[in-house]
């Protein structure tokens, strides 16, 4: 795994509703989610965000010891 994550066009497919994803639009990346009405919401302002691309954020590569 690892490497560069790929942005996914909203025209290709959409993330699962309410799943936290990174949204790209207006020349910036923000954390947000897809609401039930099919619109993206920006976590920071709680406002609708017009995204052209999105990606699932990759958690830090931390080794967990049982």
Protein backbone atom coordinates (compact mmCIF):
# COMPACT_ATOMS: atom_id res chain seq x y z
CA UNK A 1 0.00 0.00 0.00
CA UNK A 2 0.97 3.60 0.49
CA UNK A 3 1.94 5.98 -2.22
CA UNK A 4 -0.12 8.78 -3.66
CA UNK A 5 -3.85 8.61 -3.13
CA UNK A 6 -6.01 9.30 -6.12
CA UNK A 7 -8.76 11.89 -6.17
CA UNK A 8 -12.06 10.44 -7.37
CA UNK A 9 -14.30 12.54 -9.58
CA UNK A 10 -17.81 13.06 -8.25
CA UNK A 11 -18.96 12.16 -11.76
CA UNK A 12 -17.44 8.69 -11.40
CA UNK A 13 -18.85 7.79 -8.01
CA UNK A 14 -19.73 9.26 -4.64
CA UNK A 15 -18.61 8.32 -1.13
CA UNK A 16 -20.90 6.60 1.35
CA UNK A 17 -23.24 9.09 3.05
CA UNK A 18 -21.95 10.50 6.36
CA UNK A 19 -18.48 9.01 5.79
CA UNK A 20 -15.72 11.53 6.51
CA UNK A 21 -13.78 12.20 3.31
CA UNK A 22 -11.52 14.87 1.88
CA UNK A 23 -13.31 17.15 -0.54
CA UNK A 24 -11.66 19.14 -3.32
CA UNK A 25 -13.26 22.26 -4.75
CA UNK A 26 -12.71 26.00 -5.05
CA UNK A 27 -8.96 25.30 -5.18
CA UNK A 28 -8.79 23.83 -1.70
CA UNK A 29 -9.16 20.53 0.13
CA UNK A 30 -11.49 20.34 3.10
CA UNK A 31 -12.80 17.65 5.41
CA UNK A 32 -16.47 16.92 4.93
CA UNK A 33 -19.12 14.36 4.14
CA UNK A 34 -21.95 13.54 1.76
CA UNK A 35 -25.38 14.28 3.22
CA UNK A 36 -28.53 12.28 2.53
CA UNK A 37 -29.69 14.90 0.05
CA UNK A 38 -26.67 14.22 -2.18
CA UNK A 39 -24.87 17.44 -1.28
CA UNK A 40 -21.45 17.70 0.30
CA UNK A 41 -21.08 19.48 3.64
CA UNK A 42 -17.89 21.15 4.85
CA UNK A 43 -17.00 20.09 8.40
CA UNK A 44 -15.37 23.43 9.21
CA UNK A 45 -18.34 25.70 8.49
CA UNK A 46 -21.16 23.18 8.35
CA UNK A 47 -22.15 24.61 5.00
CA UNK A 48 -22.76 23.00 1.64
CA UNK A 49 -19.56 22.63 -0.36
CA UNK A 50 -19.36 22.26 -4.14
CA UNK A 51 -16.77 19.52 -4.62
CA UNK A 52 -15.44 18.24 -7.92
CA UNK A 53 -13.34 15.43 -6.42
CA UNK A 54 -13.04 13.51 -3.17
CA UNK A 55 -10.88 10.85 -1.52
CA UNK A 56 -10.96 8.67 1.54
CA UNK A 57 -8.31 9.98 3.95
CA UNK A 58 -5.60 7.49 4.85
CA UNK A 59 -4.95 7.18 8.58
CA UNK A 60 -1.36 7.59 9.82
CA UNK A 61 0.79 4.51 9.32
CA UNK A 62 1.01 3.59 12.96
CA UNK A 63 1.93 0.04 13.87
CA UNK A 64 -0.43 -1.30 16.50
CA UNK A 65 0.93 -3.94 18.87
CA UNK A 66 -1.52 -6.39 20.37
